[in-house]
Amino acid sequence: MILSTVHADKPSLSHTDGQNNHRPSDAEDPPGCLSQRFRQRFFHDVPDAVWNDWKWQFRNRITTVEHLAQFIPLDPSEQERLKFVISRYPFSITPHYLSLIDPDDPDDPVRRQAVPSCEETALAGIGDEDPLAEQEHSVVPGLVHRYPDRALMVLTNLCPVLCRHCTRKREWRHGKCVRTDADIALMIDYIRQTPDIRDVIISGGDSLTLSTGRLETVLKNLRAISHVEIIRIGTRFPVVLPQRIDEELCAMLSKYGPIWINTHFNHPREITPEAAAACDRLLRSGIPLNNQSVLLRGVNDSVAIQTKLCHELLKIKVRPYYLFQTDDVEGTEHLRTSIETGIAIIAGMRGYTSGLAVPTFVIDLPGGGGKVPLQPEYVIAASPNEYIFRNYEGSVFRCRNPRPDTGAEDVHSVIPLSR
């Protein structure tokens, strides 16, 4: 039985969609250098104590085109076009994350994630508002129960940075929202009455925009439920506002373990000294860290950038966990790549770096179908007696297939093979 295959040659280290939107220095700049230059140029009068105050950073987010134009060159016509974009899709950028952008590069990979683009409205007819059918699977307001043993709590739609690829971009148009105590009580009550739920994911927006005390109340109530084994927090604060990860927050989180944090680095430049220090504080508090990247056109859609990103993550003790195919969200088409691009990136990494540095490429199926992993196809043929594999270098190997134990189901009824 012959299986479909992909080209066995190692993919090019350049942009896998046939373009190259990255300057060679993108993966080579020492972390923090661009940020220091940007701060000296635009924030030289802000003392360190103020700059490192996360509440100051949050209060001073850039949210208007006029304010943005003070830092990034925008001609009058472009400003008018962007005003139209943000009337539909607002934006928000912390001074810290803004400092990671090269203001003179219109294709800067950090800029593409945070600064509005006219393509968001030009291509707004493509995609869905809620491609993952979260609203359909909401059992009470703010609580999504799709998988049998997991539930997702969405506590707020507030974020320090409104990522242009956000899967909940639909929420931005409804104004700022923080779930009330009554809303949260309904979520907790549902989880308490559903013993199959052993894993609770807290997300948003970004739940770390809540005060430490308010977040602690949620965690304390969850920990009082005997069948809740694991709590996960999805947050981009270590990337876009690492100052939030202070000793007070870490001390609080350490009381309610096991807590896992999934963060969201997409480009090596985001791994700044501040981000590394924030991750270190969490790790020293007993909180393991995984990273969930999103595959983004012109940001990280090459073998070179993904490999560099994953190597830098491991250096700060963050495990590369998932590489997501960008969800089919309205207003994000300009950032989406082909699925083949993601598979080719994994093929280009596998064997050329350690398995620990290779994330799982996944697509979250539309309509609430859940996550499925996608990998290069290394099996090129199979029979009851042997499998034939192609390895990362393109060499072919034959492996004897042991017969099933007596009484076991036929192996091919358990593992169906594609023709």
Protein backbone atom coordinates (compact mmCIF):
# COMPACT_ATOMS: atom_id res chain seq x y z
CA MET A 1 0.00 0.00 0.00
CA ILE A 2 1.64 3.26 -1.12
CA LEU A 3 1.12 6.41 0.92
CA SER A 4 1.14 9.97 -0.31
CA THR A 5 4.50 11.65 0.24
CA VAL A 6 6.05 15.07 0.40
CA HIS A 7 9.29 16.06 -1.30
CA ALA A 8 12.10 14.62 0.74
CA ASP A 9 14.65 17.36 0.12
CA LYS A 10 15.37 19.68 3.00
CA PRO A 11 13.29 22.87 2.50
CA SER A 12 15.12 26.10 1.86
CA LEU A 13 16.06 28.13 4.90
CA SER A 14 14.45 31.16 3.29
CA HIS A 15 10.78 32.14 3.18
CA THR A 16 8.84 28.96 2.33
CA ASP A 17 6.08 30.70 0.37
CA GLY A 18 8.50 31.83 -2.30
CA GLN A 19 9.12 35.29 -0.89
CA ASN A 20 11.61 36.65 1.58
CA ASN A 21 10.13 39.37 3.73
CA HIS A 22 12.84 39.12 6.38
CA ARG A 23 16.04 41.07 6.34
CA PRO A 24 19.04 38.88 7.22
CA SER A 25 19.46 40.70 10.54
CA ASP A 26 16.00 39.70 11.82
CA ALA A 27 17.24 36.58 13.54
CA GLU A 28 20.72 37.97 14.28
CA ASP A 29 20.10 41.21 16.22
CA PRO A 30 21.21 40.84 19.86
CA PRO A 31 18.08 40.76 22.04
CA GLY A 32 17.14 44.16 23.42
CA CYS A 33 19.41 46.29 21.19
CA LEU A 34 16.59 47.62 19.01
CA SER A 35 14.49 48.25 22.10
CA GLN A 36 17.26 50.26 23.73
CA ARG A 37 17.72 52.42 20.64
CA PHE A 38 13.98 52.95 20.33
CA ARG A 39 13.66 53.92 23.97
CA GLN A 40 16.56 56.38 23.74
CA ARG A 41 14.93 57.95 20.71
CA PHE A 42 11.35 58.19 21.94
CA PHE A 43 11.23 57.55 25.70
CA HIS A 44 14.54 58.99 26.91
CA ASP A 45 12.75 61.06 29.58
CA VAL A 46 11.05 58.04 31.17
CA PRO A 47 13.10 56.75 34.14
CA ASP A 48 13.67 53.02 34.57
CA ALA A 49 11.41 52.79 37.62
CA VAL A 50 8.50 54.16 35.62
CA TRP A 51 9.26 52.22 32.44
CA ASN A 52 9.33 48.97 34.45
CA ASP A 53 5.99 49.68 36.13
CA TRP A 54 3.54 47.43 34.32
CA LYS A 55 0.59 49.60 35.28
CA TRP A 56 2.31 52.63 33.67
CA GLN A 57 2.92 50.56 30.56
CA PHE A 58 -0.72 49.49 30.46
CA ARG A 59 -2.05 53.03 31.01
CA ASN A 60 0.21 54.39 28.27
CA ARG A 61 -0.73 51.98 25.52
CA ILE A 62 -0.83 53.47 22.02
CA THR A 63 -4.41 53.22 20.79
CA THR A 64 -4.85 55.99 18.18
CA VAL A 65 -3.39 56.47 14.72
CA GLU A 66 -2.26 60.00 15.60
CA HIS A 67 -0.28 58.68 18.57
CA LEU A 68 1.17 55.83 16.53
CA ALA A 69 2.36 58.27 13.86
CA GLN A 70 4.64 59.87 16.46
CA PHE A 71 6.71 56.68 16.47
CA ILE A 72 6.24 55.08 13.03
CA PRO A 73 6.28 57.06 9.76
CA LEU A 74 2.72 57.18 8.37
CA ASP A 75 1.79 59.57 5.57
CA PRO A 76 -1.57 61.38 5.84
CA SER A 77 -3.35 59.09 3.37
CA GLU A 78 -2.19 55.98 5.22
CA GLN A 79 -3.32 57.49 8.50
CA GLU A 80 -6.81 57.99 7.10
CA ARG A 81 -6.95 54.41 5.83
CA LEU A 82 -5.81 53.06 9.20
CA LYS A 83 -8.46 55.11 11.00
CA PHE A 84 -11.05 53.27 8.95
CA VAL A 85 -9.45 49.93 9.87
CA ILE A 86 -9.47 50.62 13.60
CA SER A 87 -13.09 51.71 13.48
CA ARG A 88 -13.74 47.99 12.89
CA TYR A 89 -10.68 46.42 14.49
CA PRO A 90 -9.22 48.58 17.30
CA PHE A 91 -5.55 48.38 18.23
CA SER A 92 -3.45 48.65 21.36
CA ILE A 93 0.33 48.47 21.81
CA THR A 94 2.35 48.81 25.01
CA PRO A 95 5.42 51.06 24.92
CA HIS A 96 7.56 47.98 25.66
CA TYR A 97 6.27 46.02 22.67
CA LEU A 98 6.37 49.11 20.46
CA SER A 99 10.06 49.41 21.32
CA LEU A 100 10.70 46.06 19.59
CA ILE A 101 9.55 47.45 16.23
CA ASP A 102 11.99 48.90 13.73
CA PRO A 103 10.10 52.11 12.84
CA ASP A 104 11.86 52.38 9.48
CA ASP A 105 10.90 48.91 8.26
CA PRO A 106 7.30 48.63 6.97
CA ASP A 107 7.70 44.82 6.84
CA ASP A 108 9.01 44.52 10.38
CA PRO A 109 7.80 41.15 11.81
CA VAL A 110 6.79 42.62 15.17
CA ARG A 111 4.97 45.47 13.44
CA ARG A 112 2.96 42.99 11.35
CA GLN A 113 1.64 41.41 14.56
CA ALA A 114 0.60 44.61 16.33
CA VAL A 115 0.11 47.53 13.92
CA PRO A 116 -3.16 47.64 11.94
CA SER A 117 -3.03 46.99 8.20
CA CYS A 118 -5.39 48.11 5.46
CA GLU A 119 -5.52 44.45 4.39
CA GLU A 120 -7.59 43.67 7.49
CA THR A 121 -10.63 45.40 6.01
CA ALA A 122 -9.77 44.85 2.34
CA LEU A 123 -9.89 41.07 2.95
CA ALA A 124 -12.49 41.15 5.72
CA GLY A 125 -14.96 39.13 3.66
CA ILE A 126 -12.70 36.07 3.93
CA GLY A 127 -12.98 33.88 7.02
CA ASP A 128 -15.41 33.70 9.91
CA GLU A 129 -16.01 35.74 13.04
CA ASP A 130 -15.98 32.61 15.21
CA PRO A 131 -14.27 29.87 13.19
CA LEU A 132 -13.84 27.58 16.20
CA ALA A 133 -17.53 27.81 17.16
CA GLU A 134 -16.70 28.93 20.69
CA GLN A 135 -20.02 30.66 21.10
CA GLU A 136 -21.82 27.48 20.07
CA HIS A 137 -19.92 25.52 22.73
CA SER A 138 -20.39 28.10 25.52
CA VAL A 139 -22.31 26.37 28.29
CA VAL A 140 -22.59 29.56 30.35
CA PRO A 141 -21.36 33.02 29.33
CA GLY A 142 -17.56 32.94 29.13
CA LEU A 143 -17.15 29.17 29.63
CA VAL A 144 -16.43 26.95 26.61
CA HIS A 145 -16.78 23.18 27.11
CA ARG A 146 -15.76 21.39 23.91
CA TYR A 147 -13.46 18.54 24.97
CA PRO A 148 -14.86 16.11 27.58
CA ASP A 149 -12.20 16.70 30.27
CA ARG A 150 -11.30 20.37 29.60
CA ALA A 151 -13.06 23.70 29.92
CA LEU A 152 -11.99 27.17 28.80
CA MET A 153 -12.72 30.21 30.98
CA VAL A 154 -12.65 33.52 29.08
CA LEU A 155 -12.49 36.12 31.85
CA THR A 156 -11.97 39.27 29.80
CA ASN A 157 -11.41 40.57 26.29
CA LEU A 158 -8.74 43.03 27.48
CA CYS A 159 -5.15 42.61 26.29
CA PRO A 160 -2.12 44.88 26.55
CA VAL A 161 -1.54 44.33 22.81
CA LEU A 162 -4.33 43.50 20.36
CA CYS A 163 -2.62 40.96 18.10
CA ARG A 164 -3.79 41.35 14.52
CA HIS A 165 -4.09 37.55 14.13
CA CYS A 166 -6.25 37.09 17.25
CA THR A 167 -8.76 34.25 17.05
CA ARG A 168 -11.22 36.31 19.15
CA LYS A 169 -10.91 39.43 17.03
CA ARG A 170 -14.73 39.53 16.95
CA GLU A 171 -14.76 40.58 20.60
CA TRP A 172 -12.93 43.85 19.99
CA ARG A 173 -15.94 45.56 18.46
CA HIS A 174 -18.06 45.08 21.58
CA GLY A 175 -15.99 47.35 23.81
CA LYS A 176 -14.06 46.40 26.92
CA CYS A 177 -15.41 43.44 28.84
CA VAL A 178 -14.44 41.92 32.19
CA ARG A 179 -16.62 39.11 33.48
CA THR A 180 -18.57 40.02 36.60
CA ASP A 181 -18.35 38.11 39.87
CA ALA A 182 -21.77 36.67 39.05
CA ASP A 183 -20.55 35.48 35.63
CA ILE A 184 -17.51 33.82 37.20
CA ALA A 185 -19.67 32.19 39.87
CA LEU A 186 -21.76 30.57 37.12
CA MET A 187 -18.60 29.24 35.45
CA ILE A 188 -17.24 27.84 38.72
CA ASP A 189 -20.61 26.27 39.53
CA TYR A 190 -20.75 24.52 36.13
CA ILE A 191 -17.22 23.15 36.58
CA ARG A 192 -18.09 22.00 40.11
CA GLN A 193 -21.12 20.11 38.83
CA THR A 194 -19.24 18.50 35.91
CA PRO A 195 -16.84 15.91 37.38
CA ASP A 196 -15.41 14.99 33.96
CA ILE A 197 -13.60 18.35 33.86
CA ARG A 198 -10.09 17.80 35.20
CA ASP A 199 -8.27 20.56 33.29
CA VAL A 200 -9.30 24.23 33.24
CA ILE A 201 -7.72 26.75 30.85
CA ILE A 202 -7.97 30.44 31.81
CA SER A 203 -7.75 32.81 28.88
CA GLY A 204 -9.19 35.98 27.40
CA GLY A 205 -8.25 38.51 26.14
CA ASP A 206 -5.55 38.04 28.70
CA SER A 207 -6.49 37.10 32.23
CA LEU A 208 -3.34 38.72 33.66
CA THR A 209 -4.92 42.11 32.96
CA LEU A 210 -7.00 41.35 36.07
CA SER A 211 -5.64 42.44 39.41
CA THR A 212 -3.58 39.83 41.24
CA GLY A 213 -6.25 39.66 43.96
CA ARG A 214 -9.11 39.12 41.52
CA LEU A 215 -7.22 36.40 39.69
CA GLU A 216 -6.38 34.72 43.00
CA THR A 217 -10.07 34.51 43.87
CA VAL A 218 -10.69 32.59 40.65
CA LEU A 219 -7.78 30.22 41.27
CA LYS A 220 -8.77 29.65 44.90
CA ASN A 221 -12.33 28.70 43.89
CA LEU A 222 -11.06 26.33 41.21
CA ARG A 223 -8.66 24.66 43.64
CA ALA A 224 -11.57 24.01 45.99
CA ILE A 225 -13.05 21.66 43.35
CA SER A 226 -11.63 18.19 43.98
CA HIS A 227 -11.79 16.93 40.37
CA VAL A 228 -9.89 19.91 38.90
CA GLU A 229 -6.36 18.53 38.64
CA ILE A 230 -4.63 21.07 36.39
CA ILE A 231 -5.06 24.79 35.80
CA ARG A 232 -3.56 26.35 32.70
CA ILE A 233 -3.22 30.06 31.98
CA GLY A 234 -2.82 31.31 28.42
CA THR A 235 -1.06 34.66 28.40
CA ARG A 236 1.08 36.86 26.17
CA PHE A 237 2.23 39.09 29.02
CA PRO A 238 5.77 37.60 29.11
CA VAL A 239 6.10 38.78 25.50
CA VAL A 240 4.27 42.10 25.30
CA LEU A 241 4.42 43.33 28.91
CA PRO A 242 6.89 41.19 30.90
CA GLN A 243 6.94 43.76 33.72
CA ARG A 244 3.57 42.30 34.81
CA ILE A 245 5.30 39.09 35.88
CA ASP A 246 6.43 40.48 39.22
CA GLU A 247 7.24 38.78 42.52
CA GLU A 248 3.75 39.42 43.91
CA LEU A 249 2.07 37.65 41.00
CA CYS A 250 4.51 34.73 41.05
CA ALA A 251 4.13 34.25 44.81
CA MET A 252 0.36 34.14 44.41
CA LEU A 253 0.44 31.67 41.51
CA SER A 254 2.80 29.37 43.38
CA LYS A 255 0.09 28.70 45.99
CA TYR A 256 -2.33 27.09 43.54
CA GLY A 257 -0.28 24.59 41.57
CA PRO A 258 -0.10 22.60 39.48
CA ILE A 259 -0.44 25.61 37.21
CA TRP A 260 0.96 25.53 33.69
CA ILE A 261 1.42 28.68 31.63
CA ASN A 262 1.21 28.67 27.85
CA THR A 263 2.72 31.79 26.43
CA HIS A 264 2.96 33.09 22.87
CA PHE A 265 6.33 34.08 21.37
CA ASN A 266 6.22 34.30 17.56
CA HIS A 267 9.60 35.77 16.65
CA PRO A 268 13.14 35.62 18.11
CA ARG A 269 13.21 39.39 18.58
CA GLU A 270 10.46 39.07 21.18
CA ILE A 271 12.78 37.11 23.47
CA THR A 272 14.22 40.15 25.21
CA PRO A 273 16.15 40.22 28.50
CA GLU A 274 12.93 41.41 30.16
CA ALA A 275 10.97 38.49 28.72
CA ALA A 276 13.67 36.02 29.79
CA ALA A 277 13.63 37.42 33.33
CA ALA A 278 9.83 37.17 33.48
CA CYS A 279 9.93 33.53 32.40
CA ASP A 280 12.66 32.80 34.93
CA ARG A 281 10.54 34.25 37.75
CA LEU A 282 7.64 32.00 36.78
CA LEU A 283 9.85 28.92 36.54
CA ARG A 284 11.40 29.60 39.95
CA SER A 285 7.84 29.73 41.30
CA GLY A 286 7.27 26.17 40.15
CA ILE A 287 5.28 27.01 37.00
CA PRO A 288 6.27 25.12 33.82
CA LEU A 289 6.16 27.12 30.59
CA ASN A 290 5.09 26.05 27.11
CA ASN A 291 5.03 28.23 24.02
CA GLN A 292 2.26 28.29 21.45
CA SER A 293 3.33 30.10 18.28
CA VAL A 294 1.06 31.02 15.38
CA LEU A 295 2.39 30.59 11.86
CA LEU A 296 2.25 34.08 10.33
CA ARG A 297 3.10 35.24 6.83
CA GLY A 298 6.04 37.64 6.84
CA VAL A 299 6.71 37.00 10.53
CA ASN A 300 7.90 33.46 11.13
CA ASP A 301 7.07 31.45 7.99
CA SER A 302 10.55 30.11 7.32
CA VAL A 303 12.69 27.28 8.63
CA ALA A 304 15.41 29.72 9.69
CA ILE A 305 13.15 31.94 11.80
CA GLN A 306 11.26 29.05 13.39
CA THR A 307 14.50 27.26 14.26
CA LYS A 308 16.00 30.41 15.74
CA LEU A 309 12.81 31.06 17.72
CA CYS A 310 12.72 27.56 19.17
CA HIS A 311 16.41 27.59 20.05
CA GLU A 312 16.02 30.92 21.86
CA LEU A 313 12.97 29.59 23.71
CA LEU A 314 14.89 26.57 24.98
CA LYS A 315 17.68 28.87 26.16
CA ILE A 316 15.18 30.60 28.48
CA LYS A 317 13.72 27.21 29.50
CA VAL A 318 10.44 27.54 27.61
CA ARG A 319 9.31 24.44 25.74
CA PRO A 320 8.22 24.91 22.10
CA TYR A 321 4.81 23.23 22.31
CA TYR A 322 2.52 24.11 19.40
CA LEU A 323 2.91 25.87 16.08
CA PHE A 324 -0.64 26.78 15.08
CA GLN A 325 -1.95 27.22 11.59
CA THR A 326 -3.56 30.68 11.78
CA ASP A 327 -7.28 30.32 12.42
CA ASP A 328 -9.62 31.29 9.59
CA VAL A 329 -10.65 34.55 11.28
CA GLU A 330 -12.12 37.55 9.47
CA GLY A 331 -9.50 40.25 9.03
CA THR A 332 -6.47 37.94 9.23
CA GLU A 333 -6.18 36.56 5.69
CA HIS A 334 -3.08 38.67 4.91
CA LEU A 335 -1.26 36.89 7.77
CA ARG A 336 -2.24 33.33 6.87
CA THR A 337 0.05 30.91 5.05
CA SER A 338 -0.71 27.67 3.27
CA ILE A 339 -0.92 24.53 5.39
CA GLU A 340 1.87 23.09 3.23
CA THR A 341 4.14 25.88 4.49
CA GLY A 342 3.80 24.67 8.07
CA ILE A 343 4.41 21.05 7.14
CA ALA A 344 7.51 22.04 5.13
CA ILE A 345 8.87 24.02 8.10
CA ILE A 346 8.54 21.00 10.39
CA ALA A 347 10.22 18.83 7.73
CA GLY A 348 13.06 21.36 7.51
CA MET A 349 13.56 21.33 11.29
CA ARG A 350 13.18 17.63 11.96
CA GLY A 351 16.58 15.95 12.09
CA TYR A 352 18.46 19.23 11.78
CA THR A 353 17.82 20.21 15.40
CA SER A 354 16.85 18.28 18.52
CA GLY A 355 13.32 16.98 18.82
CA LEU A 356 12.89 19.15 21.91
CA ALA A 357 13.17 22.20 19.65
CA VAL A 358 10.51 21.05 17.16
CA PRO A 359 6.94 22.07 18.03
CA THR A 360 3.87 20.13 16.95
CA PHE A 361 2.22 21.80 13.96
CA VAL A 362 -1.54 21.79 14.55
CA ILE A 363 -4.68 23.12 12.97
CA ASP A 364 -7.71 23.93 15.11
CA LEU A 365 -10.50 22.58 12.95
CA PRO A 366 -13.33 24.94 11.99
CA GLY A 367 -16.72 24.44 13.56
CA GLY A 368 -15.24 23.26 16.86
CA GLY A 369 -13.68 20.08 15.49
CA GLY A 370 -10.70 20.40 17.80
CA LYS A 371 -6.95 20.33 17.24
CA VAL A 372 -5.28 17.86 14.89
CA PRO A 373 -1.50 17.49 14.45
CA LEU A 374 0.03 17.71 10.98
CA GLN A 375 3.41 16.17 10.22
CA PRO A 376 5.48 15.40 7.11
CA GLU A 377 4.68 11.91 5.86
CA TYR A 378 7.67 9.72 6.56
CA VAL A 379 5.83 6.44 5.86
CA ILE A 380 5.96 5.79 2.12
CA ALA A 381 4.63 2.22 2.05
CA ALA A 382 3.24 -0.40 4.40
CA SER A 383 2.27 -4.05 4.40
CA PRO A 384 1.37 -6.57 7.11
CA ASN A 385 5.05 -7.56 7.23
CA GLU A 386 6.97 -4.31 6.93
CA TYR A 387 6.89 -0.52 6.78
CA ILE A 388 9.04 1.56 4.45
CA PHE A 389 10.17 4.95 5.71
CA ARG A 390 11.91 7.98 4.26
CA ASN A 391 14.05 9.79 6.87
CA TYR A 392 14.81 13.50 7.19
CA GLU A 393 17.69 13.21 4.67
CA GLY A 394 15.54 11.42 2.06
CA SER A 395 17.11 8.00 2.60
CA VAL A 396 14.76 5.00 2.51
CA PHE A 397 14.65 2.40 5.31
CA ARG A 398 12.68 -0.83 5.69
CA CYS A 399 11.41 -1.85 9.13
CA ARG A 400 10.02 -5.30 9.94
CA ASN A 401 6.45 -5.08 11.23
CA PRO A 402 5.90 -7.53 14.13
CA ARG A 403 2.73 -9.56 13.87
CA PRO A 404 -0.08 -8.56 16.27
CA ASP A 405 -0.43 -10.55 19.47
CA THR A 406 -2.79 -13.49 19.26
CA GLY A 407 -6.34 -12.27 19.73
CA ALA A 408 -5.46 -8.64 19.04
CA GLU A 409 -7.33 -6.67 16.43
CA ASP A 410 -5.77 -6.49 12.99
CA VAL A 411 -3.28 -3.62 13.06
CA HIS A 412 -4.73 -2.04 9.92
CA SER A 413 -8.16 -1.80 11.52
CA VAL A 414 -6.58 0.19 14.34
CA ILE A 415 -4.27 2.41 12.27
CA PRO A 416 -5.90 3.17 8.91
CA LEU A 417 -3.40 4.12 6.23
CA SER A 418 -4.02 6.69 3.49
CA ARG A 419 -3.62 5.52 -0.08
